[in-house]
Amino acid sequence: MCVEDKKTSNVEELPDLTGRKAKCMGAGFKCNCDGIVDSSWDLPLFIYQPDRAYDIYYCGCDGWD
């Protein structure tokens, strides 16, 4: 039987991304794509930036190697 110990459960809730946008930042931050999408924790290499206008992620514009 598995019982959850509430004292040791350290699950943090992720911030709500509703209304936020993420901008693609390719290698060296020189990506020239129009990669602005709704922010999502599922975006590749997503970084939440609460103090900036855009979060960032990688759209694959410079390849995946």
N, C-alpha and C. Protein backbone atom coordinates (compact mmCIF):
# COMPACT_ATOMS: atom_id res chain seq x y z
N MET A 1 0.84 -1.18 0.00
CA MET A 1 0.00 0.00 0.00
C MET A 1 0.89 1.25 0.00
N CYS A 2 0.51 2.22 -0.79
CA CYS A 2 1.26 3.46 -0.89
C CYS A 2 0.46 4.59 -0.26
N VAL A 3 1.08 5.30 0.65
CA VAL A 3 0.41 6.40 1.33
C VAL A 3 1.25 7.65 1.14
N GLU A 4 0.62 8.73 0.69
CA GLU A 4 1.33 9.99 0.48
C GLU A 4 1.58 10.67 1.83
N ASP A 5 2.82 11.08 2.04
CA ASP A 5 3.18 11.81 3.26
C ASP A 5 3.09 13.30 2.93
N LYS A 6 2.07 13.97 3.43
CA LYS A 6 1.82 15.38 3.11
C LYS A 6 2.95 16.29 3.58
N LYS A 7 3.71 15.89 4.59
CA LYS A 7 4.80 16.72 5.09
C LYS A 7 5.99 16.75 4.12
N THR A 8 6.17 15.70 3.34
CA THR A 8 7.32 15.64 2.45
C THR A 8 6.95 15.88 0.99
N SER A 9 5.70 16.14 0.70
CA SER A 9 5.27 16.39 -0.67
C SER A 9 5.61 17.84 -1.04
N ASN A 10 6.59 18.02 -1.94
CA ASN A 10 7.04 19.36 -2.33
C ASN A 10 6.70 19.66 -3.78
N VAL A 11 5.50 19.37 -4.18
CA VAL A 11 5.07 19.64 -5.55
C VAL A 11 4.69 21.11 -5.66
N GLU A 12 5.40 21.82 -6.55
CA GLU A 12 5.10 23.24 -6.75
C GLU A 12 4.21 23.38 -7.97
N GLU A 13 3.27 24.31 -7.90
CA GLU A 13 2.37 24.56 -9.02
C GLU A 13 3.07 25.50 -10.00
N LEU A 14 3.01 25.16 -11.28
CA LEU A 14 3.61 26.00 -12.31
C LEU A 14 2.76 27.25 -12.52
N PRO A 15 3.40 28.37 -12.87
CA PRO A 15 2.64 29.60 -13.13
C PRO A 15 1.68 29.43 -14.30
N ASP A 16 0.57 30.14 -14.26
CA ASP A 16 -0.41 30.13 -15.34
C ASP A 16 0.14 30.96 -16.50
N LEU A 17 0.16 30.38 -17.69
CA LEU A 17 0.70 31.05 -18.86
C LEU A 17 -0.36 31.70 -19.75
N THR A 18 -1.59 31.72 -19.29
CA THR A 18 -2.69 32.29 -20.08
C THR A 18 -2.37 33.73 -20.50
N GLY A 19 -2.46 33.98 -21.80
CA GLY A 19 -2.23 35.32 -22.33
C GLY A 19 -0.77 35.64 -22.60
N ARG A 20 0.15 34.77 -22.23
CA ARG A 20 1.56 35.01 -22.46
C ARG A 20 1.98 34.49 -23.83
N LYS A 21 3.00 35.09 -24.41
CA LYS A 21 3.56 34.67 -25.69
C LYS A 21 5.03 34.30 -25.51
N ALA A 22 5.49 33.41 -26.37
CA ALA A 22 6.89 32.99 -26.36
C ALA A 22 7.49 33.25 -27.74
N LYS A 23 8.73 33.71 -27.75
CA LYS A 23 9.43 34.03 -28.98
C LYS A 23 10.58 33.03 -29.16
N CYS A 24 10.73 32.54 -30.40
CA CYS A 24 11.82 31.61 -30.69
C CYS A 24 13.15 32.34 -30.61
N MET A 25 14.08 31.72 -29.95
CA MET A 25 15.44 32.24 -29.89
C MET A 25 16.37 31.15 -30.38
N GLY A 26 16.79 31.24 -31.62
CA GLY A 26 17.69 30.25 -32.21
C GLY A 26 19.08 30.33 -31.62
N ALA A 27 19.94 29.49 -32.11
CA ALA A 27 21.33 29.44 -31.63
C ALA A 27 21.96 30.83 -31.70
N GLY A 28 22.54 31.27 -30.64
CA GLY A 28 23.16 32.58 -30.60
C GLY A 28 22.16 33.72 -30.63
N PHE A 29 20.89 33.40 -30.41
CA PHE A 29 19.82 34.40 -30.41
C PHE A 29 19.74 35.15 -31.73
N LYS A 30 20.03 34.46 -32.86
CA LYS A 30 19.99 35.09 -34.17
C LYS A 30 18.97 34.44 -35.09
N CYS A 31 17.97 33.82 -34.56
CA CYS A 31 16.94 33.16 -35.36
C CYS A 31 16.09 34.23 -36.04
N ASN A 32 15.89 34.08 -37.34
CA ASN A 32 15.11 35.07 -38.09
C ASN A 32 13.71 34.59 -38.44
N CYS A 33 13.20 33.65 -37.69
CA CYS A 33 11.85 33.15 -37.98
C CYS A 33 10.81 34.03 -37.29
N ASP A 34 9.56 33.82 -37.63
CA ASP A 34 8.46 34.53 -36.97
C ASP A 34 7.87 33.64 -35.89
N GLY A 35 8.71 33.03 -35.11
CA GLY A 35 8.29 32.03 -34.13
C GLY A 35 7.70 32.60 -32.86
N ILE A 36 6.60 33.34 -32.95
CA ILE A 36 5.92 33.83 -31.76
C ILE A 36 4.64 33.02 -31.61
N VAL A 37 4.53 32.32 -30.49
CA VAL A 37 3.40 31.42 -30.25
C VAL A 37 2.89 31.63 -28.82
N ASP A 38 1.76 31.01 -28.51
CA ASP A 38 1.28 31.01 -27.13
C ASP A 38 2.27 30.26 -26.26
N SER A 39 2.60 30.82 -25.11
CA SER A 39 3.51 30.15 -24.19
C SER A 39 2.91 28.84 -23.72
N SER A 40 3.78 27.85 -23.57
CA SER A 40 3.36 26.54 -23.10
C SER A 40 4.55 25.83 -22.48
N TRP A 41 4.29 25.12 -21.40
CA TRP A 41 5.35 24.35 -20.75
C TRP A 41 5.83 23.21 -21.65
N ASP A 42 5.08 22.90 -22.70
CA ASP A 42 5.43 21.80 -23.61
C ASP A 42 6.29 22.25 -24.79
N LEU A 43 6.57 23.53 -24.93
CA LEU A 43 7.42 24.00 -26.03
C LEU A 43 8.86 23.54 -25.81
N PRO A 44 9.59 23.23 -26.90
CA PRO A 44 10.98 22.80 -26.76
C PRO A 44 11.85 23.89 -26.13
N LEU A 45 12.62 23.50 -25.14
CA LEU A 45 13.56 24.38 -24.44
C LEU A 45 12.89 25.66 -23.91
N PHE A 46 11.67 25.54 -23.46
CA PHE A 46 10.89 26.67 -22.97
C PHE A 46 11.50 27.25 -21.70
N ILE A 47 11.58 28.58 -21.67
CA ILE A 47 12.05 29.30 -20.47
C ILE A 47 11.03 30.39 -20.16
N TYR A 48 10.43 30.28 -19.00
CA TYR A 48 9.46 31.27 -18.50
C TYR A 48 10.23 32.49 -18.03
N GLN A 49 9.86 33.66 -18.52
CA GLN A 49 10.51 34.92 -18.16
C GLN A 49 9.46 35.90 -17.66
N PRO A 50 9.04 35.79 -16.42
CA PRO A 50 7.94 36.60 -15.91
C PRO A 50 8.17 38.10 -15.95
N ASP A 51 9.43 38.54 -15.96
CA ASP A 51 9.73 39.97 -15.95
C ASP A 51 9.98 40.54 -17.34
N ARG A 52 9.73 39.74 -18.38
CA ARG A 52 9.95 40.18 -19.76
C ARG A 52 8.66 40.09 -20.56
N ALA A 53 8.62 40.75 -21.69
CA ALA A 53 7.42 40.75 -22.54
C ALA A 53 7.16 39.36 -23.13
N TYR A 54 8.22 38.61 -23.42
CA TYR A 54 8.09 37.29 -24.02
C TYR A 54 8.85 36.24 -23.22
N ASP A 55 8.28 35.05 -23.16
CA ASP A 55 9.04 33.89 -22.72
C ASP A 55 9.85 33.46 -23.94
N ILE A 56 10.77 32.50 -23.78
CA ILE A 56 11.52 32.04 -24.94
C ILE A 56 11.42 30.53 -25.08
N TYR A 57 11.64 30.07 -26.31
CA TYR A 57 11.66 28.65 -26.63
C TYR A 57 12.48 28.49 -27.90
N TYR A 58 12.64 27.26 -28.37
CA TYR A 58 13.37 27.00 -29.61
C TYR A 58 12.48 26.28 -30.60
N CYS A 59 12.30 26.87 -31.79
CA CYS A 59 11.40 26.30 -32.80
C CYS A 59 12.08 25.32 -33.75
N GLY A 60 13.40 25.22 -33.70
CA GLY A 60 14.13 24.32 -34.59
C GLY A 60 14.69 25.02 -35.80
N CYS A 61 14.60 26.34 -35.87
CA CYS A 61 15.03 27.08 -37.06
C CYS A 61 16.51 26.92 -37.39
N ASP A 62 17.34 26.62 -36.43
CA ASP A 62 18.77 26.42 -36.67
C ASP A 62 19.15 24.94 -36.65
N GLY A 63 18.18 24.05 -36.71
CA GLY A 63 18.43 22.62 -36.67
C GLY A 63 18.37 22.08 -35.24
N TRP A 64 18.42 20.77 -35.14
CA TRP A 64 18.30 20.12 -33.83
C TRP A 64 19.58 19.42 -33.39
N ASP A 65 20.68 19.62 -34.10
CA ASP A 65 21.94 18.95 -33.74
C ASP A 65 22.67 19.72 -32.67
